[in-house]
Amino acid sequence: MNKIARRSGGRAARVALRSAPLAEDKRPVRAGLPGGQYKALNDADVLRIHHAALDALEQIGLSQAPPSGVQILTKAGAIQGDDGRIRFPRALVEDMLAKAARNITLHGRDPKYDLHLTGTNVHFGTAGAAVHVVDVETNTYRESTAQDLHDAAKITHALDNVHFFQRAMVARDITDNLEMDLNTIYACTAGTTKHIGTSFSEPDHVAPGLDLLYQIAGDEQTFRARPFVSNSNCFVVPPMKFAEESCIVMEQCVRGGMPVVLLSAGQAGATAPAPIALTIVQAVAECLAGVVYVNAMAPGHPAVFGTWPFVSDLRTGAMSGGSAEQALLTAGCAQMHRFYDLPGGAAAGISDAKLPDMQAGWEQGITNVLAGLSGLNMAYEAVGMHASLLGFCLESLVLGDDVIGQVLRCVRGIDVTEDSTSIEAMKAVCLGGPGHYLGSEQTLELMQTEYIYPNLGNRMSPKEWQEADRPILLEQATIRKNKILEEAKIKFDPEFDAAIRSNYNIYFQ
C-alpha cells in the first residue's frame, strides 16, 4: 500500500509539473520563431523581380504625389516629369535602402509583447477594416461597432498565438470620423497591451490621435521611446499612384514618432497585373517608393515593408484572399522582404468563406502556413477575417488561436540534435523494456515542449465524443469567447479611464 501511494504521489507531482506554465523559451511555439524554410522563388527569380521593380520606378514612376511629397522626393533626387509623375533613379532607391531601418521592434505597452522584426522571425495578428461582424448564432452579418472592436482586442489579449492587434473592424456606430479614429485607438489600447495597429482616416486626425497616445503613454517622450501603436498607410492607390491624403497622414505620423506600415494593396487582375510574379513586381516597386519617401524625411524611421497584394477570382473579379494563389503571392513577397533585409508584412489567413466552416479552415491553414514557412515577419489578417475582408468573427478569432498554434509548430520544424537522434531511448524500450514509449522518461519530458495541443480542436475517439455529449467546435468557441470577455479587465487604471471618458466621447463599455 505504501509503495502504491508513493507511486501515485509521484505521478500526481509529475502531472502537476506538466500542467504548470512553461518558461517562454521552453514553450513548443511562441512569437518570433524563425521561418524561411519554404521559398516560392529561386535566387534568379528574386533578382528578376528586383530589377523589374527598379525598371518600373525609373521608367513608369508614380503619379499624384501631394505637393509636400513632391518636395520631399525631388529634394532627395527623384525626378518629376512633364507628365507630373515622380520617377526614381536606381541610385536613389539603393541609397535609401541603405538608410532604411532594419531589425526594428514593434513595442507592446507591456514589453513582454514586443515584436522583434529581425531576419525571418514570424508573428501573426489581426488587421483589416471589416464593416460587418459575423453572428454565428443566427448566421447573419451585422454592422460592426466600437464595442465589437474593443471585445476583439480583449480576446486577442488572451490568445497566446495571436501576437498583435491591428484594427480589425470599423466602428460603424460612430458617424463622426474623428470620434471614430479616437475611439479606435482607445478601444484597442483599453483591450490589450500587445502591439496595436490603427489607420487614420484623415490628415487632420493625426494630431489629436497622437495627443491621445501621448496621454496613454504618460507623455510624448515616453511614447516616442516605445511607440506601442503603428499606423497602416495605404500611401499608394495601385497601379502606381500615390494616395494624396494618406501620404500626408504618413508624413505626420513619421514626424509624431509613430511607426508606419508602407502598404500596397493591389488586386491581381484588377489593380495589379494578372501574373503572380508581375503583381509582386508592382507591389515591390510601390513599397520601394515608400522606402524612399520615408527615409528622405527621416532616415531610419521604423517602417514595415507592406507588400500586401491580393488575388482576384478572374471569373468574376471578386477577391479570393483564401486561395492557393494568395498563399504563393504572400510567400513570394516575404522572400522579397528578406532580399532587402527589411522588416516586412503581408496578408495571410483571409477567408472568402462567410462563416467559420471547413472552407474557412483550409483557406486560413494554407495561407498562414506558407506565410510562416516563408519567414514573413508580420502576417496580417491571419485570424478572424471572413467574406474577403468584409466580415470579422469573434468565434473565428478564438478558433484562429488553434490554427496559428499548429502553423507555428510547422514553422518551428524538427529539432535534430544529438539527444533527439540518440538510440538510447530505443534500447531502453526494446531490449528488455516495456515495448512502448508511453511512460518513458523521454516522452514525459518532451510532451509539453515538443508538442502543442489545441485548446478547442477535438481529438477524442467517437466513443469519448459521444460520452461527452458530442461537443461541436463552433459552440465551444462561443463558450471560450464568452468566458474570455467575462474575465477580461480594461487595461487602464480606473481613474485614468474615467478621465479619458470625461474628455472624449467613448462609445464602448
Protein backbone atom coordinates (compact mmCIF):
# COMPACT_ATOMS: atom_id res chain seq x y z
CA MET A 1 0.00 0.00 0.00
CA ASN A 2 2.77 2.41 0.89
CA LYS A 3 4.53 1.59 -2.34
CA ILE A 4 1.38 2.29 -4.38
CA ALA A 5 0.80 5.55 -2.53
CA ARG A 6 4.33 6.69 -3.26
CA ARG A 7 3.90 5.90 -6.95
CA SER A 8 0.57 7.69 -7.05
CA GLY A 9 2.03 10.72 -5.34
CA GLY A 10 4.92 10.75 -7.77
CA ARG A 11 2.56 10.60 -10.72
CA ALA A 12 0.47 13.43 -9.29
CA ALA A 13 3.58 15.51 -8.88
CA ARG A 14 4.57 14.85 -12.49
CA VAL A 15 1.09 15.75 -13.73
CA ALA A 16 1.20 18.98 -11.72
CA LEU A 17 4.62 19.77 -13.12
CA ARG A 18 3.39 19.22 -16.67
CA SER A 19 0.36 21.42 -16.02
CA ALA A 20 2.41 24.34 -14.74
CA PRO A 21 3.09 27.21 -17.17
CA LEU A 22 6.25 26.70 -19.17
CA ALA A 23 9.06 29.20 -19.32
CA GLU A 24 8.88 31.18 -22.56
CA ASP A 25 11.96 29.50 -24.04
CA LYS A 26 10.56 26.04 -23.27
CA ARG A 27 7.20 26.50 -24.99
CA PRO A 28 6.72 24.45 -28.17
CA VAL A 29 5.68 27.62 -30.05
CA ARG A 30 5.99 31.35 -29.39
CA ALA A 31 6.12 34.70 -31.12
CA GLY A 32 9.12 35.32 -33.33
CA LEU A 33 10.01 31.77 -34.33
CA PRO A 34 12.30 31.89 -37.37
CA GLY A 35 10.73 30.74 -40.63
CA GLY A 36 12.18 30.77 -44.12
CA GLN A 37 12.21 27.03 -44.81
CA TYR A 38 9.95 27.50 -47.85
CA LYS A 39 10.99 29.52 -50.88
CA ALA A 40 8.42 30.17 -53.60
CA LEU A 41 11.12 31.92 -55.67
CA ASN A 42 14.66 30.86 -56.52
CA ASP A 43 17.54 33.32 -56.36
CA ALA A 44 17.32 34.17 -60.06
CA ASP A 45 13.57 34.83 -59.69
CA VAL A 46 14.19 37.25 -56.81
CA LEU A 47 16.78 39.19 -58.80
CA ARG A 48 14.50 39.33 -61.83
CA ILE A 49 11.67 40.78 -59.71
CA HIS A 50 14.05 43.26 -58.06
CA HIS A 51 15.35 44.58 -61.39
CA ALA A 52 11.86 44.75 -62.86
CA ALA A 53 10.71 46.80 -59.85
CA LEU A 54 13.62 49.22 -60.31
CA ASP A 55 12.77 49.48 -64.02
CA ALA A 56 9.16 50.29 -63.12
CA LEU A 57 10.22 53.04 -60.72
CA GLU A 58 12.67 54.53 -63.19
CA GLN A 59 10.52 54.30 -66.33
CA ILE A 60 6.91 54.50 -65.08
CA GLY A 61 7.15 56.15 -61.68
CA LEU A 62 4.19 57.16 -59.54
CA SER A 63 1.64 59.90 -60.14
CA GLN A 64 -0.40 62.16 -57.87
CA ALA A 65 2.08 62.87 -55.08
CA PRO A 66 0.92 65.67 -52.78
CA PRO A 67 2.93 68.92 -53.01
CA SER A 68 4.73 68.06 -49.77
CA GLY A 69 5.65 64.65 -51.18
CA VAL A 70 6.90 66.17 -54.42
CA GLN A 71 9.16 68.46 -52.40
CA ILE A 72 10.46 65.65 -50.17
CA LEU A 73 11.10 63.25 -53.05
CA THR A 74 12.61 65.65 -55.58
CA LYS A 75 14.89 67.15 -52.93
CA ALA A 76 16.20 63.63 -52.31
CA GLY A 77 16.87 63.07 -56.03
CA ALA A 78 13.62 61.81 -57.55
CA ILE A 79 12.61 63.39 -60.85
CA GLN A 80 9.20 64.88 -61.65
CA GLY A 81 8.50 64.63 -65.36
CA ASP A 82 6.39 66.85 -67.57
CA ASP A 83 3.56 64.36 -67.05
CA GLY A 84 3.69 65.02 -63.30
CA ARG A 85 4.88 61.51 -62.44
CA ILE A 86 7.69 61.05 -59.92
CA ARG A 87 10.41 58.74 -61.21
CA PHE A 88 13.10 57.16 -59.08
CA PRO A 89 16.67 56.67 -60.32
CA ARG A 90 18.20 53.35 -59.31
CA ALA A 91 20.94 55.03 -57.31
CA LEU A 92 18.36 56.93 -55.23
CA VAL A 93 16.48 53.74 -54.37
CA GLU A 94 19.71 51.99 -53.41
CA ASP A 95 20.82 54.93 -51.25
CA MET A 96 17.52 54.98 -49.37
CA LEU A 97 17.55 51.21 -48.92
CA ALA A 98 20.94 51.63 -47.23
CA LYS A 99 19.41 54.16 -44.80
CA ALA A 100 16.24 52.18 -44.06
CA ALA A 101 15.63 50.80 -40.58
CA ARG A 102 16.34 47.13 -40.04
CA ASN A 103 15.87 44.81 -37.07
CA ILE A 104 13.16 47.05 -35.67
CA THR A 105 10.99 46.36 -32.64
CA LEU A 106 7.27 47.00 -32.64
CA HIS A 107 6.61 47.59 -28.98
CA GLY A 108 3.77 46.46 -26.80
CA ARG A 109 2.67 48.57 -23.86
CA ASP A 110 3.86 45.56 -21.91
CA PRO A 111 7.45 44.79 -23.02
CA LYS A 112 6.81 41.04 -22.91
CA TYR A 113 4.73 41.50 -26.07
CA ASP A 114 7.45 43.31 -28.03
CA LEU A 115 7.76 42.06 -31.62
CA HIS A 116 11.35 41.82 -32.85
CA LEU A 117 11.26 42.07 -36.63
CA THR A 118 14.62 40.52 -37.33
CA GLY A 119 15.54 38.13 -40.13
CA THR A 120 12.79 35.58 -40.67
CA ASN A 121 11.10 35.97 -37.27
CA VAL A 122 7.39 35.29 -37.72
CA HIS A 123 4.43 36.97 -35.99
CA PHE A 124 0.69 36.57 -36.58
CA GLY A 125 -2.08 39.04 -35.84
CA THR A 126 -5.27 40.69 -36.95
CA ALA A 127 -5.84 43.50 -39.44
CA GLY A 128 -8.32 44.73 -41.99
CA ALA A 129 -11.23 47.07 -41.79
CA ALA A 130 -14.26 44.80 -41.83
CA VAL A 131 -17.57 46.62 -41.85
CA HIS A 132 -19.56 43.68 -40.52
CA VAL A 133 -19.49 41.21 -37.65
CA VAL A 134 -20.33 37.58 -38.34
CA ASP A 135 -23.05 36.42 -35.93
CA VAL A 136 -22.65 32.66 -35.71
CA GLU A 137 -25.81 32.18 -33.66
CA THR A 138 -28.01 33.48 -36.47
CA ASN A 139 -25.62 33.00 -39.42
CA THR A 140 -26.09 36.65 -40.34
CA TYR A 141 -23.92 39.74 -40.80
CA ARG A 142 -24.48 42.99 -38.90
CA GLU A 143 -22.61 46.30 -38.83
CA SER A 144 -19.54 46.32 -36.57
CA THR A 145 -19.36 48.67 -33.58
CA ALA A 146 -16.78 50.18 -31.25
CA GLN A 147 -17.81 47.59 -28.65
CA ASP A 148 -17.05 44.78 -31.11
CA LEU A 149 -13.62 46.26 -31.74
CA HIS A 150 -12.93 46.50 -28.01
CA ASP A 151 -14.15 42.93 -27.48
CA ALA A 152 -11.85 41.69 -30.25
CA ALA A 153 -8.90 43.44 -28.58
CA LYS A 154 -9.74 41.80 -25.23
CA ILE A 155 -10.00 38.38 -26.84
CA THR A 156 -6.70 38.87 -28.70
CA HIS A 157 -5.01 39.74 -25.43
CA ALA A 158 -5.98 36.32 -24.05
CA LEU A 159 -4.76 34.33 -27.09
CA ASP A 160 -1.17 33.09 -26.89
CA ASN A 161 -0.71 32.60 -30.61
CA VAL A 162 -2.11 35.94 -31.80
CA HIS A 163 0.79 38.29 -31.29
CA PHE A 164 -0.56 41.74 -32.17
CA PHE A 165 -3.87 43.50 -32.66
CA GLN A 166 -4.29 45.69 -35.69
CA ARG A 167 -7.72 47.28 -36.05
CA ALA A 168 -9.90 44.52 -37.46
CA MET A 169 -13.21 46.36 -37.78
CA VAL A 170 -14.60 49.80 -38.48
CA ALA A 171 -16.77 51.26 -35.71
CA ARG A 172 -19.86 51.76 -37.86
CA ASP A 173 -21.89 53.10 -34.94
CA ILE A 174 -19.77 56.30 -34.91
CA THR A 175 -20.71 58.78 -37.63
CA ASP A 176 -18.08 61.43 -36.85
CA ASN A 177 -14.77 60.31 -38.42
CA LEU A 178 -12.57 61.97 -35.80
CA GLU A 179 -14.52 60.34 -32.97
CA MET A 180 -14.21 57.03 -34.85
CA ASP A 181 -10.42 57.34 -35.11
CA LEU A 182 -10.05 58.27 -31.43
CA ASN A 183 -12.40 55.51 -30.30
CA THR A 184 -10.45 53.05 -32.45
CA ILE A 185 -7.25 53.94 -30.62
CA TYR A 186 -8.84 53.77 -27.20
CA ALA A 187 -10.91 50.63 -27.85
CA CYS A 188 -7.74 48.80 -28.90
CA THR A 189 -5.42 50.08 -26.18
CA ALA A 190 -8.03 49.53 -23.47
CA GLY A 191 -8.37 45.92 -24.59
CA THR A 192 -4.78 44.75 -24.91
CA THR A 193 -1.20 45.68 -24.07
CA LYS A 194 0.08 43.89 -27.18
CA HIS A 195 1.28 45.98 -30.12
CA ILE A 196 -1.59 47.73 -31.88
CA GLY A 197 -2.11 48.94 -35.42
CA THR A 198 -4.54 51.64 -36.46
CA SER A 199 -5.22 53.76 -39.53
CA PHE A 200 -6.16 57.43 -39.51
CA SER A 201 -8.94 58.32 -41.92
CA GLU A 202 -7.91 61.97 -42.46
CA PRO A 203 -4.73 64.06 -42.03
CA ASP A 204 -6.40 66.42 -39.54
CA HIS A 205 -6.99 63.48 -37.20
CA VAL A 206 -3.33 62.60 -36.71
CA ALA A 207 -2.54 65.39 -34.20
CA PRO A 208 -5.46 64.64 -31.85
CA GLY A 209 -4.76 60.91 -32.24
CA LEU A 210 -1.13 61.39 -31.28
CA ASP A 211 -2.19 63.57 -28.34
CA LEU A 212 -4.36 60.70 -27.06
CA LEU A 213 -1.48 58.26 -27.50
CA TYR A 214 0.88 60.57 -25.63
CA GLN A 215 -1.63 60.68 -22.74
CA ILE A 216 -1.87 56.88 -22.72
CA ALA A 217 1.94 56.60 -22.69
CA GLY A 218 2.28 59.23 -19.97
CA ASP A 219 3.90 61.87 -22.17
CA GLU A 220 5.23 62.39 -25.69
CA GLN A 221 8.80 61.44 -24.85
CA THR A 222 7.71 58.11 -23.38
CA PHE A 223 5.66 57.27 -26.47
CA ARG A 224 8.49 58.17 -28.81
CA ALA A 225 10.85 55.93 -26.84
CA ARG A 226 8.48 52.95 -27.05
CA PRO A 227 5.73 53.60 -29.63
CA PHE A 228 3.16 50.87 -28.99
CA VAL A 229 0.82 51.79 -31.86
CA SER A 230 1.76 51.81 -35.55
CA ASN A 231 -0.18 53.33 -38.43
CA SER A 232 -1.04 51.46 -41.62
CA ASN A 233 -0.69 53.79 -44.57
CA CYS A 234 -2.27 52.90 -47.90
CA PHE A 235 0.03 55.55 -49.32
CA VAL A 236 -0.44 54.22 -52.85
CA VAL A 237 -3.54 53.56 -54.94
CA PRO A 238 -2.43 50.79 -57.30
CA PRO A 239 -1.43 50.83 -60.03
CA MET A 240 1.49 53.21 -59.36
CA LYS A 241 -0.31 56.23 -57.95
CA PHE A 242 0.22 57.98 -54.65
CA ALA A 243 -2.79 58.43 -52.38
CA GLU A 244 -2.50 62.11 -51.53
CA GLU A 245 -4.30 62.23 -48.18
CA SER A 246 -2.71 59.01 -46.95
CA CYS A 247 0.74 60.35 -47.87
CA ILE A 248 0.11 63.43 -45.73
CA VAL A 249 -1.07 61.19 -42.89
CA MET A 250 2.13 59.19 -43.25
CA GLU A 251 4.28 62.33 -43.11
CA GLN A 252 2.55 63.45 -39.91
CA CYS A 253 2.88 60.01 -38.30
CA VAL A 254 6.60 59.94 -39.06
CA ARG A 255 7.02 63.39 -37.50
CA GLY A 256 4.99 62.28 -34.49
CA GLY A 257 7.25 59.31 -33.75
CA MET A 258 4.83 56.63 -34.91
CA PRO A 259 6.00 53.52 -36.82
CA VAL A 260 4.32 53.13 -40.21
CA VAL A 261 3.31 50.27 -42.45
CA LEU A 262 4.01 51.12 -46.10
CA LEU A 263 1.01 49.35 -47.52
CA SER A 264 0.49 48.49 -51.18
CA ALA A 265 -2.72 46.52 -51.72
CA GLY A 266 -3.26 45.93 -55.41
CA GLN A 267 -5.58 43.16 -56.61
CA ALA A 268 -4.17 40.82 -59.25
CA GLY A 269 -6.11 41.05 -62.48
CA ALA A 270 -7.78 44.30 -61.43
CA THR A 271 -5.50 46.97 -59.92
CA ALA A 272 -2.40 44.79 -60.28
CA PRO A 273 -1.23 42.63 -63.20
CA ALA A 274 -2.65 39.11 -63.57
CA PRO A 275 0.68 37.22 -63.41
CA ILE A 276 1.60 36.49 -59.80
CA ALA A 277 5.23 37.43 -60.46
CA LEU A 278 4.33 40.79 -62.02
CA THR A 279 1.91 41.51 -59.18
CA ILE A 280 4.90 41.10 -56.84
CA VAL A 281 6.95 43.41 -59.09
CA GLN A 282 4.33 46.16 -58.82
CA ALA A 283 3.91 45.76 -55.05
CA VAL A 284 7.68 45.84 -54.52
CA ALA A 285 8.05 48.92 -56.73
CA GLU A 286 5.30 50.77 -54.87
CA CYS A 287 6.74 49.89 -51.47
CA LEU A 288 10.25 50.86 -52.56
CA ALA A 289 8.79 54.27 -53.42
CA GLY A 290 7.55 54.36 -49.81
CA VAL A 291 11.01 53.48 -48.51
CA VAL A 292 12.44 56.44 -50.44
CA TYR A 293 9.63 58.72 -49.20
CA VAL A 294 10.04 57.86 -45.51
CA ASN A 295 13.83 57.81 -45.43
CA ALA A 296 14.08 61.08 -47.35
CA MET A 297 12.07 62.58 -44.49
CA ALA A 298 13.57 60.73 -41.53
CA PRO A 299 16.42 58.30 -42.26
CA GLY A 300 15.99 55.08 -40.30
CA HIS A 301 12.40 55.72 -39.22
CA PRO A 302 10.71 52.39 -38.32
CA ALA A 303 8.67 51.27 -41.31
CA VAL A 304 7.26 47.88 -42.31
CA PHE A 305 7.63 46.96 -45.99
CA GLY A 306 3.97 46.19 -46.52
CA THR A 307 3.68 44.41 -49.84
CA TRP A 308 0.05 43.44 -49.39
CA PRO A 309 -1.28 42.42 -52.82
CA PHE A 310 -4.42 40.34 -53.16
CA VAL A 311 -5.72 37.82 -55.69
CA SER A 312 -8.84 38.04 -57.83
CA ASP A 313 -11.08 35.21 -58.95
CA LEU A 314 -10.68 36.03 -62.63
CA ARG A 315 -14.06 34.51 -63.49
CA THR A 316 -15.86 37.24 -61.56
CA GLY A 317 -13.28 39.82 -60.46
CA ALA A 318 -14.12 39.07 -56.82
CA MET A 319 -11.31 38.96 -54.30
CA SER A 320 -10.09 35.47 -53.38
CA GLY A 321 -7.95 36.05 -50.30
CA GLY A 322 -8.08 32.42 -49.21
CA SER A 323 -6.77 30.95 -52.44
CA ALA A 324 -3.59 28.99 -53.13
CA GLU A 325 -2.52 31.85 -55.41
CA GLN A 326 -2.82 34.25 -52.46
CA ALA A 327 -0.64 31.93 -50.38
CA LEU A 328 2.02 31.91 -53.09
CA LEU A 329 1.78 35.67 -53.60
CA THR A 330 2.33 36.32 -49.90
CA ALA A 331 5.20 33.84 -49.73
CA GLY A 332 6.88 35.50 -52.72
CA CYS A 333 6.52 38.91 -51.10
CA ALA A 334 8.11 37.58 -47.92
CA GLN A 335 11.14 36.50 -49.93
CA MET A 336 11.49 39.99 -51.34
CA HIS A 337 11.45 41.39 -47.79
CA ARG A 338 14.33 39.05 -46.96
CA PHE A 339 16.20 40.06 -50.12
CA TYR A 340 16.14 43.70 -48.98
CA ASP A 341 16.65 42.68 -45.33
CA LEU A 342 13.70 44.90 -44.40
CA PRO A 343 11.00 44.25 -41.79
CA GLY A 344 8.06 43.06 -43.86
CA GLY A 345 4.38 42.36 -43.64
CA ALA A 346 1.74 40.88 -45.92
CA ALA A 347 -1.73 39.36 -45.81
CA ALA A 348 -2.42 35.78 -44.78
CA GLY A 349 -5.31 33.90 -43.22
CA ILE A 350 -8.10 35.75 -45.00
CA SER A 351 -11.10 33.54 -45.67
CA ASP A 352 -13.55 34.01 -48.50
CA ALA A 353 -15.98 31.78 -46.60
CA LYS A 354 -18.84 33.64 -44.96
CA LEU A 355 -18.78 31.51 -41.80
CA PRO A 356 -16.13 29.65 -39.78
CA ASP A 357 -16.62 26.37 -41.65
CA MET A 358 -14.45 23.83 -43.46
CA GLN A 359 -13.73 26.26 -46.31
CA ALA A 360 -12.52 28.83 -43.79
CA GLY A 361 -10.32 26.19 -42.18
CA TRP A 362 -8.49 25.21 -45.35
CA GLU A 363 -8.13 28.81 -46.50
CA GLN A 364 -6.73 30.02 -43.18
CA GLY A 365 -4.49 26.99 -42.79
CA ILE A 366 -2.93 27.04 -46.25
CA THR A 367 -2.25 30.76 -46.45
CA ASN A 368 -0.95 31.07 -42.90
CA VAL A 369 1.36 28.06 -43.09
CA LEU A 370 3.00 29.32 -46.29
CA ALA A 371 3.36 32.77 -44.75
CA GLY A 372 5.04 31.30 -41.69
CA LEU A 373 7.28 28.91 -43.58
CA SER A 374 8.38 31.73 -45.88
CA GLY A 375 9.59 33.76 -42.88
CA LEU A 376 7.09 36.62 -43.10
CA ASN A 377 7.77 38.97 -40.17
CA MET A 378 4.18 40.21 -39.83
CA ALA A 379 1.26 38.10 -41.08
CA TYR A 380 -1.69 40.48 -41.03
CA GLU A 381 -5.37 39.45 -41.15
CA ALA A 382 -4.29 35.98 -40.03
CA VAL A 383 -7.31 35.30 -37.82
CA GLY A 384 -10.99 36.13 -37.69
CA MET A 385 -11.47 37.56 -41.17
CA HIS A 386 -14.24 36.35 -43.47
CA ALA A 387 -16.04 37.27 -46.69
CA SER A 388 -12.84 38.57 -48.29
CA LEU A 389 -12.28 41.20 -45.56
CA LEU A 390 -15.92 42.29 -45.25
CA GLY A 391 -16.78 40.36 -42.07
CA PHE A 392 -14.96 39.72 -38.79
CA CYS A 393 -15.95 36.86 -36.50
CA LEU A 394 -15.07 36.76 -32.80
CA GLU A 395 -15.52 32.97 -32.65
CA SER A 396 -13.22 32.63 -35.65
CA LEU A 397 -10.66 34.76 -33.82
CA VAL A 398 -10.77 32.25 -30.97
CA LEU A 399 -10.52 29.30 -33.35
CA GLY A 400 -7.67 31.02 -35.14
CA ASP A 401 -5.55 30.73 -32.00
CA ASP A 402 -5.56 26.96 -32.53
CA VAL A 403 -4.87 27.33 -36.26
CA ILE A 404 -1.87 29.59 -35.67
CA GLY A 405 -0.58 27.29 -32.94
CA GLN A 406 -0.39 24.44 -35.45
CA VAL A 407 1.11 26.76 -38.07
CA LEU A 408 3.82 27.89 -35.65
CA ARG A 409 4.63 24.27 -34.88
CA CYS A 410 5.25 23.76 -38.61
CA VAL A 411 7.41 26.89 -38.63
CA ARG A 412 9.49 25.63 -35.72
CA GLY A 413 10.21 22.43 -37.65
CA ILE A 414 12.04 19.33 -36.45
CA ASP A 415 14.73 19.61 -33.81
CA VAL A 416 17.57 17.33 -34.94
CA THR A 417 20.17 17.14 -32.18
CA GLU A 418 22.45 14.58 -30.61
CA ASP A 419 19.84 13.94 -27.91
CA SER A 420 16.87 13.77 -30.28
CA THR A 421 18.57 11.17 -32.51
CA SER A 422 20.20 9.08 -29.76
CA ILE A 423 19.07 5.45 -29.83
CA GLU A 424 19.49 5.03 -26.06
CA ALA A 425 15.73 5.55 -25.52
CA MET A 426 15.07 2.88 -28.16
CA LYS A 427 17.43 0.45 -26.40
CA ALA A 428 15.70 1.03 -23.06
CA VAL A 429 12.29 0.20 -24.54
CA CYS A 430 13.19 -2.57 -27.00
CA LEU A 431 15.86 -4.52 -25.08
CA GLY A 432 14.06 -5.85 -22.06
CA GLY A 433 11.83 -2.83 -21.64
CA PRO A 434 8.01 -2.49 -21.90
CA GLY A 435 7.96 -2.41 -25.71
CA HIS A 436 6.38 1.03 -25.94
CA TYR A 437 7.31 4.63 -25.19
CA LEU A 438 4.12 5.79 -23.47
CA GLY A 439 5.55 6.08 -19.99
CA SER A 440 9.21 6.63 -20.82
CA GLU A 441 11.06 9.48 -19.18
CA GLN A 442 11.85 10.99 -22.58
CA THR A 443 8.17 11.01 -23.60
CA LEU A 444 7.13 12.67 -20.35
CA GLU A 445 9.88 15.28 -20.67
CA LEU A 446 9.00 16.19 -24.25
CA MET A 447 5.22 16.05 -24.23
CA GLN A 448 4.94 19.74 -23.27
CA THR A 449 7.96 21.15 -25.08
CA GLU A 450 7.95 19.19 -28.36
CA TYR A 451 4.20 19.01 -28.91
CA ILE A 452 1.44 21.62 -29.00
CA TYR A 453 -2.16 20.83 -28.09
CA PRO A 454 -5.24 22.67 -29.37
CA ASN A 455 -7.43 24.50 -26.91
CA LEU A 456 -10.60 23.65 -28.80
CA GLY A 457 -9.64 21.17 -31.50
CA ASN A 458 -11.24 17.81 -30.65
CA ARG A 459 -9.07 14.67 -30.58
CA MET A 460 -11.49 12.39 -28.76
CA SER A 461 -12.43 8.97 -30.08
CA PRO A 462 -16.00 8.71 -31.40
CA LYS A 463 -16.95 6.85 -28.19
CA GLU A 464 -15.45 9.55 -25.95
CA TRP A 465 -17.11 12.23 -28.08
CA GLN A 466 -20.50 10.58 -27.67
CA GLU A 467 -19.98 10.27 -23.92
CA ALA A 468 -19.04 13.96 -23.72
CA ASP A 469 -22.41 14.85 -25.27
CA ARG A 470 -20.92 15.39 -28.76
CA PRO A 471 -19.33 18.83 -28.36
CA ILE A 472 -19.48 20.98 -31.50
CA LEU A 473 -16.39 23.04 -32.32
CA LEU A 474 -18.16 26.32 -33.03
CA GLU A 475 -20.22 26.05 -29.85
CA GLN A 476 -17.03 25.50 -27.86
CA ALA A 477 -15.53 28.61 -29.50
CA THR A 478 -18.54 30.65 -28.38
CA ILE A 479 -18.16 29.34 -24.83
CA ARG A 480 -14.46 30.26 -24.76
CA LYS A 481 -15.16 33.69 -26.28
CA ASN A 482 -17.77 34.44 -23.64
CA LYS A 483 -15.50 33.24 -20.84
CA ILE A 484 -12.66 35.49 -22.02
CA LEU A 485 -14.96 38.51 -22.23
CA GLU A 486 -16.43 37.83 -18.80
CA GLU A 487 -12.99 37.66 -17.21
CA ALA A 488 -11.25 40.41 -19.20
CA LYS A 489 -10.46 43.67 -17.46
CA ILE A 490 -9.88 47.06 -19.02
CA LYS A 491 -6.15 47.70 -19.41
CA PHE A 492 -6.10 51.11 -17.74
CA ASP A 493 -6.26 52.42 -14.21
CA PRO A 494 -9.93 53.25 -13.42
CA GLU A 495 -9.02 56.84 -12.61
CA PHE A 496 -7.27 57.31 -15.96
CA ASP A 497 -10.15 55.63 -17.80
CA ALA A 498 -12.65 57.93 -16.10
CA ALA A 499 -10.58 60.97 -17.08
CA ILE A 500 -10.44 59.86 -20.71
CA ARG A 501 -14.19 59.25 -20.77
CA SER A 502 -14.82 62.69 -19.32
CA ASN A 503 -12.77 64.32 -22.11
CA TYR A 504 -13.73 62.11 -25.05
CA ASN A 505 -16.99 60.64 -26.30
CA ILE A 506 -16.20 56.94 -25.80
CA TYR A 507 -18.67 54.52 -27.37
CA PHE A 508 -17.84 51.23 -25.64
CA GLN A 509 -18.02 49.91 -22.11
